[in-house]
Protein backbone atom coordinates (compact mmCIF):
# COMPACT_ATOMS: atom_id res chain seq x y z
CA MET A 1 0.00 0.00 0.00
CA PRO A 2 1.27 3.53 -0.76
CA SER A 3 2.27 5.67 2.15
CA VAL A 4 -0.33 8.14 3.35
CA PRO A 5 1.99 11.15 2.85
CA ALA A 6 2.50 10.21 -0.81
CA LEU A 7 -1.23 9.81 -1.40
CA ASP A 8 -1.97 13.08 0.40
CA ALA A 9 0.70 14.80 -1.67
CA ALA A 10 -0.92 13.54 -4.87
CA ILE A 11 -4.30 14.80 -3.67
CA ALA A 12 -2.84 18.17 -2.66
CA LEU A 13 -1.28 18.68 -6.08
CA THR A 14 -4.10 17.34 -8.25
CA ARG A 15 -7.27 18.24 -6.34
CA PHE A 16 -6.27 21.44 -4.56
CA GLY A 17 -3.69 22.43 -7.16
CA LEU A 18 -3.43 22.25 -10.95
CA GLY A 19 -1.52 19.01 -11.34
CA ALA A 20 1.78 17.40 -10.46
CA GLY A 21 4.97 17.60 -12.46
CA PRO A 22 8.21 15.61 -12.29
CA GLY A 23 9.33 15.36 -8.67
CA GLY A 24 6.36 17.33 -7.34
CA ILE A 25 4.75 14.56 -5.29
CA ALA A 26 8.02 13.61 -3.65
CA GLU A 27 8.70 17.26 -2.78
CA VAL A 28 5.29 17.87 -1.22
CA SER A 29 4.92 14.52 0.56
CA HIS A 30 6.89 15.62 3.65
CA ASP A 31 3.87 17.74 4.72
CA PRO A 32 1.10 18.24 2.12
CA ARG A 33 -1.15 20.28 4.41
CA ALA A 34 1.67 22.65 5.34
CA TRP A 35 2.39 23.07 1.62
CA LEU A 36 -1.19 24.21 1.08
CA ASP A 37 -1.32 26.38 4.18
CA ALA A 38 1.84 28.26 3.21
CA GLN A 39 0.06 29.53 0.08
CA ILE A 40 -2.65 31.33 2.08
CA ARG A 41 -1.11 34.78 2.30
CA PRO A 42 -2.68 38.12 3.25
CA GLN A 43 -1.42 39.74 0.04
CA GLY A 44 -3.58 37.37 -1.98
CA ALA A 45 -2.74 35.03 -4.85
CA PRO A 46 0.50 35.64 -6.75
CA LEU A 47 0.34 37.54 -10.02
CA PRO A 48 1.61 35.97 -13.24
CA PRO A 49 4.94 37.50 -14.26
CA GLY A 50 4.46 40.80 -16.11
CA PRO A 51 4.76 43.35 -17.32
CA PHE A 52 1.02 43.88 -17.63
CA THR A 53 -1.04 46.86 -18.64
CA SER A 54 -2.83 48.28 -15.59
CA THR A 55 -6.51 49.14 -15.43
CA GLY A 56 -5.64 52.81 -15.61
CA GLU A 57 -3.55 52.27 -18.74
CA ARG A 58 -6.27 50.17 -20.34
CA THR A 59 -8.75 52.93 -19.54
CA GLN A 60 -6.63 55.40 -21.47
CA GLN A 61 -6.36 52.95 -24.35
CA MET A 62 -10.14 52.63 -24.37
CA LEU A 63 -10.52 56.41 -24.41
CA ASP A 64 -8.08 56.69 -27.30
CA TYR A 65 -10.04 54.05 -29.19
CA GLN A 66 -13.29 55.90 -28.53
CA SER A 67 -11.69 59.07 -29.87
CA GLN A 68 -10.75 57.20 -33.04
CA THR A 69 -14.35 56.07 -33.38
CA THR A 70 -15.64 59.60 -32.98
CA ALA A 71 -13.20 60.89 -35.58
CA ALA A 72 -14.09 58.23 -38.14
CA GLN A 73 -16.69 59.30 -40.71
CA ARG A 74 -19.50 56.92 -41.58
CA PRO A 75 -19.30 55.86 -45.24
CA ALA A 76 -21.92 56.24 -47.90
CA GLN A 77 -21.08 52.77 -49.24
CA PRO A 78 -19.07 49.98 -47.64
CA VAL A 79 -15.97 48.52 -49.24
CA ARG A 80 -16.49 44.78 -49.51
CA GLY A 81 -14.11 42.17 -48.20
CA THR A 82 -12.09 44.32 -45.82
CA MET A 83 -13.56 43.32 -42.46
CA PRO A 84 -10.90 41.62 -40.29
CA GLU A 85 -11.54 38.22 -38.81
CA PRO A 86 -11.99 38.19 -35.03
CA SER A 87 -9.33 36.56 -32.91
CA PRO A 88 -10.28 32.96 -31.95
CA GLY A 89 -12.09 32.84 -28.66
CA MET A 90 -12.12 36.62 -28.39
CA SER A 91 -14.82 37.58 -30.91
CA ALA A 92 -16.47 40.92 -30.28
CA THR A 93 -20.22 41.51 -30.15
CA ASP A 94 -20.23 45.27 -30.52
CA SER A 95 -19.38 45.54 -34.22
CA GLY A 96 -22.16 47.82 -35.39
CA SER A 97 -22.47 49.97 -38.48
CA GLU A 98 -19.63 52.21 -37.31
CA ASP A 99 -17.28 49.29 -37.96
CA GLN A 100 -18.14 49.03 -41.66
CA PRO A 101 -15.32 49.90 -44.07
CA MET A 102 -15.51 53.20 -45.92
CA ALA A 103 -15.47 54.20 -49.58
CA ASP A 104 -13.72 57.56 -49.10
CA PRO A 105 -9.92 57.07 -49.00
CA THR A 106 -9.39 59.37 -46.02
CA ALA A 107 -12.24 57.78 -44.13
CA GLN A 108 -10.95 54.34 -45.10
CA ALA A 109 -7.52 55.19 -43.68
CA ARG A 110 -9.14 56.19 -40.41
CA PHE A 111 -11.16 53.00 -40.45
CA ASP A 112 -8.05 50.90 -41.05
CA ALA A 113 -6.21 52.65 -38.21
CA ARG A 114 -9.14 52.02 -35.91
CA GLN A 115 -9.29 48.34 -36.84
CA ALA A 116 -5.54 48.00 -36.32
CA SER A 117 -5.99 49.51 -32.86
CA ARG A 118 -8.83 47.12 -32.16
CA ARG A 119 -6.74 44.11 -33.17
CA ALA A 120 -3.84 45.31 -31.02
CA LEU A 121 -6.09 45.65 -27.98
CA THR A 122 -7.58 42.22 -28.57
CA ARG A 123 -4.09 40.80 -28.88
CA GLN A 124 -3.16 42.29 -25.51
CA THR A 125 -6.04 40.43 -23.89
CA ALA A 126 -5.01 37.20 -25.62
CA MET A 127 -1.46 37.60 -24.33
CA ASP A 128 -2.81 38.20 -20.81
CA PHE A 129 -4.51 34.81 -21.09
CA LEU A 130 -1.33 33.14 -22.35
CA ALA A 131 0.62 34.62 -19.43
CA ARG A 132 -2.01 33.31 -17.01
CA ALA A 133 -1.86 29.83 -18.56
CA ARG A 134 1.96 29.75 -18.50
CA PHE A 135 1.88 30.79 -14.86
CA GLY A 136 -0.62 28.03 -14.08
CA VAL A 137 1.78 25.53 -15.60
CA THR A 138 4.93 26.75 -13.87
CA THR A 139 3.78 28.06 -10.47
CA ASP A 140 4.68 26.28 -7.25
CA ASP A 141 1.55 27.79 -5.66
CA GLY A 142 -1.02 25.59 -7.35
CA PHE A 143 -3.59 25.91 -4.56
CA ALA A 144 -3.44 29.70 -4.51
CA GLU A 145 -3.82 29.72 -8.29
CA ARG A 146 -6.84 27.40 -8.26
CA TRP A 147 -8.37 29.43 -5.42
CA ALA A 148 -7.94 32.64 -7.46
CA LEU A 149 -9.42 31.04 -10.57
CA PHE A 150 -12.41 29.87 -8.54
CA TRP A 151 -13.25 33.40 -7.41
CA ALA A 152 -12.59 34.87 -10.85
CA ASN A 153 -15.12 32.40 -12.24
CA LEU A 154 -17.66 33.09 -9.53
CA LEU A 155 -17.40 36.84 -10.16
CA THR A 156 -17.36 36.33 -13.91
CA VAL A 157 -16.61 38.87 -16.58
CA SER A 158 -16.37 37.86 -20.22
CA ALA A 159 -14.52 38.95 -23.35
CA THR A 160 -17.67 38.55 -25.44
CA LYS A 161 -18.09 42.34 -25.36
CA PHE A 162 -15.21 44.28 -26.88
CA GLN A 163 -14.88 47.04 -24.28
CA ALA A 164 -15.20 44.58 -21.39
CA ARG A 165 -12.59 42.42 -23.14
CA LEU A 166 -10.00 45.17 -22.73
CA PHE A 167 -10.21 44.86 -18.96
CA VAL A 168 -10.47 41.09 -18.35
CA GLY A 169 -6.76 40.68 -17.61
CA PRO A 170 -6.48 43.71 -15.30
CA PHE A 171 -9.72 42.60 -13.60
CA GLU A 172 -8.07 39.38 -12.44
CA HIS A 173 -4.80 41.11 -11.58
CA GLU A 174 -6.25 44.03 -9.59
CA ALA A 175 -9.79 43.17 -8.45
CA ILE A 176 -9.56 39.42 -7.81
CA ARG A 177 -6.08 38.19 -6.90
CA PRO A 178 -5.23 40.75 -4.19
CA HIS A 179 -8.47 39.96 -2.29
CA VAL A 180 -8.86 36.17 -2.50
CA PHE A 181 -7.45 35.58 0.98
CA GLY A 182 -8.99 38.71 2.48
CA ARG A 183 -12.57 39.62 3.33
CA PHE A 184 -15.20 38.58 0.83
CA GLU A 185 -16.94 41.94 1.09
CA ASP A 186 -13.78 43.67 -0.15
CA LEU A 187 -13.54 41.22 -3.04
CA VAL A 188 -17.15 41.85 -4.04
CA VAL A 189 -16.86 45.64 -3.97
CA ALA A 190 -13.57 45.57 -5.90
CA ALA A 191 -15.11 43.31 -8.55
CA GLU A 192 -18.37 45.24 -8.93
CA GLN A 193 -16.55 48.58 -9.26
CA HIS A 194 -14.04 47.38 -11.83
CA PRO A 195 -14.53 48.61 -15.42
CA ALA A 196 -14.62 45.00 -16.67
CA MET A 197 -17.75 44.27 -14.61
CA LEU A 198 -19.35 47.67 -15.20
CA LEU A 199 -18.99 47.27 -18.96
CA TYR A 200 -19.80 43.55 -19.15
CA LEU A 201 -23.11 43.99 -17.30
CA ASP A 202 -23.95 47.40 -18.84
CA GLN A 203 -23.86 49.18 -15.49
CA ALA A 204 -21.80 52.05 -16.92
CA ARG A 205 -24.86 53.31 -18.80
CA SER A 206 -27.37 53.03 -15.97
CA SER A 207 -28.91 56.31 -14.78
CA GLY A 208 -31.52 57.01 -12.17
CA PRO A 209 -34.75 58.24 -13.81
CA ASN A 210 -35.01 60.99 -11.21
CA SER A 211 -31.35 61.96 -11.30
CA GLN A 212 -30.20 65.16 -12.97
CA ALA A 213 -28.84 63.27 -15.97
CA GLY A 214 -31.83 60.95 -16.10
CA ARG A 215 -34.31 63.80 -16.29
CA ARG A 216 -32.25 65.66 -18.88
CA ARG A 217 -31.64 62.70 -21.18
CA ASN A 218 -34.64 60.55 -20.31
CA ALA A 219 -32.07 57.86 -19.45
CA GLY A 220 -33.10 54.53 -17.96
CA LEU A 221 -32.19 52.15 -15.19
CA ASN A 222 -30.18 49.01 -16.00
CA GLU A 223 -30.66 46.15 -13.54
CA ASN A 224 -28.10 43.66 -14.88
CA LEU A 225 -25.39 44.22 -12.28
CA ALA A 226 -27.86 44.43 -9.40
CA ARG A 227 -29.51 41.17 -10.42
CA GLU A 228 -26.24 39.27 -10.79
CA ALA A 229 -24.88 40.75 -7.56
CA LEU A 230 -27.83 39.22 -5.73
CA GLU A 231 -28.30 35.99 -7.66
CA LEU A 232 -24.72 35.00 -8.50
CA HIS A 233 -22.25 37.06 -6.47
CA THR A 234 -23.80 36.95 -3.00
CA VAL A 235 -27.04 35.55 -1.50
CA GLY A 236 -28.38 33.51 -4.43
CA ALA A 237 -31.87 32.85 -5.74
CA ALA A 238 -32.79 30.61 -2.79
CA SER A 239 -32.37 33.52 -0.34
CA GLY A 240 -35.81 34.92 -1.10
CA TYR A 241 -34.86 38.29 -2.53
CA THR A 242 -37.51 39.90 -4.71
CA GLN A 243 -37.69 41.92 -7.89
CA ALA A 244 -38.16 44.97 -5.69
CA ASP A 245 -34.79 44.23 -4.08
CA VAL A 246 -33.17 44.04 -7.52
CA THR A 247 -34.65 47.39 -8.51
CA GLU A 248 -33.67 49.05 -5.25
CA LEU A 249 -30.08 47.82 -5.54
CA ALA A 250 -29.98 48.95 -9.17
CA ARG A 251 -31.08 52.42 -8.06
CA ALA A 252 -28.36 52.47 -5.38
CA LEU A 253 -25.73 51.54 -7.99
CA THR A 254 -26.67 54.27 -10.46
CA GLY A 255 -23.75 56.57 -11.12
CA TRP A 256 -21.22 53.70 -11.00
CA SER A 257 -19.49 54.10 -14.34
CA VAL A 258 -16.25 54.38 -16.31
CA PRO A 259 -14.64 57.34 -18.10
CA THR A 260 -15.57 58.09 -21.69
CA ALA A 261 -13.90 60.14 -24.40
CA ARG A 262 -16.39 62.93 -23.67
CA ASP A 263 -14.94 63.30 -20.18
CA GLN A 264 -11.62 64.48 -21.57
CA GLY A 265 -10.77 68.11 -22.22
CA GLY A 266 -12.81 71.13 -23.18
CA ARG A 267 -15.49 73.00 -21.31
CA ARG A 268 -17.82 70.04 -21.41
CA GLY A 269 -15.14 67.89 -19.80
CA ARG A 270 -14.70 70.39 -16.98
CA ARG A 271 -18.45 70.59 -16.41
CA GLN A 272 -18.73 66.82 -16.29
CA GLN A 273 -15.70 66.52 -14.05
CA ALA A 274 -17.46 68.64 -11.45
CA ALA A 275 -20.23 66.02 -11.31
CA MET A 276 -17.86 63.03 -11.07
CA GLN A 277 -15.86 61.35 -8.38
CA ALA A 278 -13.03 59.53 -10.14
CA ASP A 279 -10.56 56.89 -9.03
CA THR A 280 -7.25 56.07 -10.66
CA ASP A 281 -8.47 52.51 -11.37
CA GLY A 282 -10.98 53.40 -14.08
CA PHE A 283 -14.01 53.64 -11.78
CA ILE A 284 -16.07 56.83 -11.81
CA PHE A 285 -19.03 57.79 -9.69
CA ARG A 286 -21.28 60.15 -11.62
CA ALA A 287 -23.26 61.99 -8.99
CA ASN A 288 -25.57 63.54 -11.57
CA SER A 289 -26.66 60.05 -12.70
CA HIS A 290 -27.27 58.67 -9.21
CA GLU A 291 -30.89 58.06 -8.23
CA PRO A 292 -31.45 60.12 -5.07
CA GLY A 293 -33.17 58.79 -2.01
CA GLU A 294 -33.25 56.11 0.64
CA ARG A 295 -33.14 52.46 -0.46
CA THR A 296 -34.42 49.24 1.12
CA VAL A 297 -32.83 45.91 0.15
CA MET A 298 -33.79 42.59 1.76
CA GLY A 299 -35.47 44.35 4.65
CA ARG A 300 -32.69 46.78 5.52
CA ARG A 301 -32.77 50.52 4.89
CA TYR A 302 -29.87 52.55 3.55
CA ALA A 303 -29.72 56.32 3.74
CA GLU A 304 -28.76 58.40 0.72
CA ALA A 305 -24.96 58.49 0.67
CA GLY A 306 -23.88 58.68 -2.96
CA VAL A 307 -21.40 56.02 -3.96
CA GLU A 308 -21.26 54.69 -0.39
CA GLN A 309 -24.91 53.67 -0.50
CA GLY A 310 -24.26 50.92 -3.06
CA GLU A 311 -21.07 49.88 -1.30
CA ALA A 312 -22.91 49.50 2.01
CA ILE A 313 -25.57 47.29 0.45
CA LEU A 314 -23.01 45.05 -1.25
CA ARG A 315 -21.01 44.66 1.96
CA ASP A 316 -24.14 43.67 3.88
CA LEU A 317 -25.13 41.17 1.19
CA ALA A 318 -21.62 39.70 1.28
CA ASN A 319 -21.95 39.10 5.02
CA ARG A 320 -25.45 37.62 5.10
CA PRO A 321 -25.83 33.98 6.25
CA GLU A 322 -27.42 33.08 2.91
CA THR A 323 -24.17 34.10 1.21
CA ALA A 324 -22.12 32.00 3.63
CA ARG A 325 -24.27 28.95 2.93
CA ARG A 326 -24.17 29.40 -0.83
CA MET A 327 -20.43 30.05 -1.04
CA ALA A 328 -19.65 27.10 1.24
CA HIS A 329 -21.54 24.83 -1.12
CA ARG A 330 -19.85 26.33 -4.19
CA ILE A 331 -16.36 25.87 -2.71
CA ALA A 332 -17.04 22.28 -1.66
CA THR A 333 -18.52 21.50 -5.06
CA HIS A 334 -15.53 22.91 -6.90
CA PHE A 335 -12.81 21.30 -4.82
CA VAL A 336 -14.28 17.98 -3.71
CA ALA A 337 -17.41 16.62 -5.43
CA ASP A 338 -20.40 17.58 -7.54
CA ALA A 339 -22.53 16.46 -4.59
CA PRO A 340 -20.26 17.57 -1.73
CA PRO A 341 -20.32 15.99 1.74
CA PRO A 342 -22.77 17.89 3.99
CA ALA A 343 -20.24 17.91 6.84
CA LEU A 344 -17.72 19.73 4.65
CA VAL A 345 -20.28 22.31 3.53
CA SER A 346 -21.29 22.89 7.15
CA ALA A 347 -17.67 23.33 8.27
CA LEU A 348 -17.03 25.88 5.54
CA GLU A 349 -20.24 27.73 6.34
CA GLN A 350 -19.37 27.97 10.02
CA ALA A 351 -15.85 29.16 9.20
CA TRP A 352 -17.34 31.83 6.94
CA ILE A 353 -19.87 33.06 9.50
CA GLY A 354 -17.43 32.93 12.40
CA SER A 355 -14.84 34.99 10.55
CA ARG A 356 -17.28 37.35 8.78
CA GLY A 357 -16.20 36.15 5.38
CA ASP A 358 -12.43 36.00 5.94
CA LEU A 359 -11.44 33.87 2.96
CA SER A 360 -8.13 32.85 4.53
CA VAL A 361 -10.06 31.25 7.39
CA VAL A 362 -12.39 29.52 4.92
CA ALA A 363 -9.46 28.23 2.87
CA ARG A 364 -7.86 26.77 6.00
CA ALA A 365 -11.17 25.15 6.96
CA LEU A 366 -11.23 23.49 3.54
CA ILE A 367 -7.77 21.96 3.80
CA ALA A 368 -8.41 20.94 7.43
CA SER A 369 -11.52 18.90 6.61
CA PRO A 370 -11.03 15.12 6.33
CA ASP A 371 -13.78 15.07 3.70
CA ALA A 372 -11.56 17.10 1.38
CA TRP A 373 -8.89 14.39 1.46
CA ARG A 374 -10.93 11.40 0.37
CA SER A 375 -8.86 9.19 -1.90
CA GLU A 376 -11.47 8.82 -4.66
CA ALA A 377 -11.31 11.55 -7.29
CA SER A 378 -14.79 12.61 -8.35
CA LYS A 379 -14.25 15.95 -10.10
CA ILE A 380 -13.79 16.03 -13.87
CA LYS A 381 -11.20 18.52 -15.09
CA THR A 382 -12.37 21.39 -17.24
CA PRO A 383 -10.58 21.72 -20.62
CA TYR A 384 -8.40 24.48 -19.18
CA GLU A 385 -7.43 22.30 -16.21
CA PHE A 386 -6.80 19.36 -18.55
CA ILE A 387 -4.42 21.39 -20.70
CA LEU A 388 -2.55 22.89 -17.76
CA SER A 389 -2.18 19.58 -15.94
CA THR A 390 -0.93 17.96 -19.16
CA HIS A 391 1.79 20.57 -19.53
CA ARG A 392 2.71 20.18 -15.88
CA ALA A 393 2.95 16.40 -16.24
CA LEU A 394 5.13 16.68 -19.33
CA GLY A 395 7.28 19.48 -17.95
CA THR A 396 6.41 21.71 -20.93
CA THR A 397 4.99 25.22 -21.23
CA PRO A 398 2.55 26.66 -23.81
CA GLU A 399 4.63 28.94 -26.01
CA ARG A 400 2.05 30.52 -28.34
CA ILE A 401 -1.47 31.76 -27.83
CA GLU A 402 -2.98 30.46 -31.09
CA PRO A 403 -2.68 26.69 -30.40
CA LEU A 404 -3.87 27.24 -26.84
CA GLN A 405 -6.89 29.25 -27.98
CA GLN A 406 -7.76 26.73 -30.66
CA ALA A 407 -7.56 23.78 -28.29
CA LEU A 408 -9.82 25.51 -25.78
CA ILE A 409 -12.32 26.47 -28.49
CA GLN A 410 -12.48 22.88 -29.73
CA MET A 411 -13.02 21.54 -26.22
CA GLY A 412 -15.68 24.13 -25.40
CA GLN A 413 -13.94 26.56 -23.05
CA PRO A 414 -12.71 29.51 -25.17
CA ALA A 415 -10.23 31.86 -23.55
CA PHE A 416 -11.78 34.47 -21.24
CA THR A 417 -15.30 33.90 -22.67
CA PRO A 418 -17.62 32.12 -20.22
CA PRO A 419 -21.04 31.80 -21.86
CA SER A 420 -22.99 33.75 -19.25
CA PRO A 421 -22.56 35.67 -15.97
CA GLU A 422 -22.80 32.30 -14.21
CA GLY A 423 -19.25 31.54 -15.34
CA TRP A 424 -17.95 28.19 -16.52
CA PRO A 425 -19.89 25.15 -15.29
CA ASP A 426 -18.30 22.97 -12.65
CA THR A 427 -19.80 19.48 -12.85
CA ALA A 428 -19.12 16.26 -14.73
CA ALA A 429 -22.41 16.56 -16.61
CA ASP A 430 -21.07 19.68 -18.30
CA TRP A 431 -17.64 18.38 -19.29
CA ALA A 432 -17.79 14.58 -19.64
CA GLY A 433 -20.32 14.02 -22.42
CA PRO A 434 -19.43 11.72 -25.34
CA ASP A 435 -18.72 14.57 -27.77
CA ALA A 436 -16.59 16.39 -25.19
CA LEU A 437 -14.51 13.27 -24.55
CA VAL A 438 -13.96 12.77 -28.29
CA LYS A 439 -12.58 16.31 -28.53
CA ARG A 440 -10.30 15.67 -25.57
CA LEU A 441 -9.12 12.49 -27.26
CA ASN A 442 -8.34 14.42 -30.44
CA TRP A 443 -6.22 16.90 -28.50
CA ALA A 444 -4.55 14.14 -26.49
CA THR A 445 -3.70 12.35 -29.73
CA THR A 446 -1.98 15.45 -31.05
CA VAL A 447 -0.09 16.05 -27.81
CA GLY A 448 0.79 12.39 -27.38
CA GLY A 449 2.25 12.22 -30.86
CA ARG A 450 4.49 15.21 -30.19
CA ALA A 451 5.50 14.45 -26.60
CA GLU A 452 9.21 13.94 -26.17
CA ALA A 453 9.04 11.99 -22.92
CA ASP A 454 11.25 8.89 -23.10
CA ASP A 455 9.26 6.90 -20.54
CA PRO A 456 5.45 7.46 -20.55
CA GLU A 457 5.04 5.11 -17.60
CA ASN A 458 7.33 7.30 -15.50
CA VAL A 459 5.40 10.39 -16.63
CA ALA A 460 2.19 8.78 -15.37
CA VAL A 461 3.79 7.76 -12.05
CA GLN A 462 5.22 11.25 -11.51
CA ALA A 463 1.90 12.95 -12.36
CA LEU A 464 -0.44 10.72 -10.36
CA GLY A 465 1.65 8.95 -7.72
CA PRO A 466 -0.46 6.54 -5.66
CA ARG A 467 -3.56 7.72 -7.55
CA LEU A 468 -2.34 5.80 -10.61
CA GLY A 469 -4.25 2.52 -10.79
CA GLU A 470 -2.46 -0.70 -11.66
CA ARG A 471 -4.67 -1.30 -14.68
CA THR A 472 -3.81 2.08 -16.16
CA ARG A 473 -0.12 1.67 -15.35
CA LEU A 474 0.02 -1.67 -17.15
CA SER A 475 -1.87 -0.27 -20.16
CA VAL A 476 0.65 2.56 -20.45
CA ALA A 477 3.62 0.24 -19.92
CA ARG A 478 2.43 -2.30 -22.52
CA ALA A 479 1.38 0.17 -25.21
CA GLU A 480 2.72 -0.59 -28.66
CA SER A 481 4.22 2.87 -29.13
CA ARG A 482 5.18 5.92 -27.13
CA PRO A 483 2.37 8.06 -28.62
CA GLU A 484 -0.18 5.38 -27.80
CA ALA A 485 1.15 5.15 -24.24
CA MET A 486 0.85 8.93 -23.81
CA ILE A 487 -2.72 8.93 -25.11
CA LEU A 488 -3.69 6.12 -22.73
CA PHE A 489 -2.21 8.08 -19.84
CA LEU A 490 -3.80 11.42 -20.75
CA MET A 491 -7.24 9.88 -21.31
CA SER A 492 -7.15 7.63 -18.26
CA PRO A 493 -9.87 8.14 -15.64
CA GLU A 494 -7.19 8.97 -13.07
CA PHE A 495 -5.76 11.82 -15.14
CA GLN A 496 -9.09 13.15 -16.38
CA SER A 497 -10.33 13.50 -12.81
CA ARG A 498 -9.03 15.28 -9.78
């Protein structure tokens, strides 16, 4: 029988982390729980190596792009065949008539410059994703990385909208990672106020009907962010919140916005600046768009306080017992099983309530629970996890974004583009269907044929340790060729699960 430390090390690296590489299980086996605990740091999850463009810099890039759009003249007739193809996995949804090519040479030149700028910005986001994937393959802090990815998925933003796409990388770097071992309420406020979220859920355009701007422009209320903040980011649908609560929160969040090209320069810019409260991180509170008045959300009243009114509501929602219960279940489901042990969920819930949402305390409660260390692996890897764990097992690193994007598209998890505000699904039913497994097999066949490992059996032993079953080990060892052995290993139940 394998030693308990070796089995625990394999579980720590594959279930709590992103996979084991050569020598990893042996290195961690001296104290797997201490290895996990050491990654819970007050400064949050480590950042992938940079340099990266900050939110403030991306904001300026967005403003420059908007200025290009304003300067471009709409054509009388389009020029056929000049529209650029979108980048795989990063296709925009905001290409309206202003993106059509132009017949006038000067206007066409402006159009071409604008499209070149658009492609460059899209490329930046793609490279952010490649940097994140490379970091996931090479980091020694696999638990901290998985923990950060969990919260980024729970507080989802998506690159399906072009302007939101610009900020997806900075969103993870600045709103998510620094807060994942801090208080949940701080994480929620940072996420909801980030330009990526404000643009993705159309909050930037929401105005109170009775605000100064609302009365002048007959502008309307947008409830997207308020609804998702209640349903997905905090208390959940089972908490009993009502449509009235959604509307009241939406009113409290009016004025939460991002800069636009019209905010820059000139007399109009100075007039608007007087009505704004701006941060250096791309968040703006537009006081003249804020719906005045007292709000009531889930039975609690909040006095008029400008930007602080919405913040106060979100912090209270983040600390409600319904949020603790929901997040405990989500964490247990992600890390342990699609139907998690009730005792584990209860332990996480109590840790959450007792610490008022201190995520470091909750993370330690997770790794302290015996239920989290069960030997059977019942979670199916997502395509992203499958790719990263394969690279870790082989000791390789993804070098280019295009093959990575294409593989993720084929397996149903395109880069930075979850299909809805719910984020990527997290159960076997979503990732282990027959068609999905065929696509994984196709990718494994390509990788297996190119792998340079001399001994596939040793690769399997190093990646899975005591989790490697004898039947799988013998199949790999007796394979007729090295590529066949690698495919058998990559598609084995032990490697496909965690």
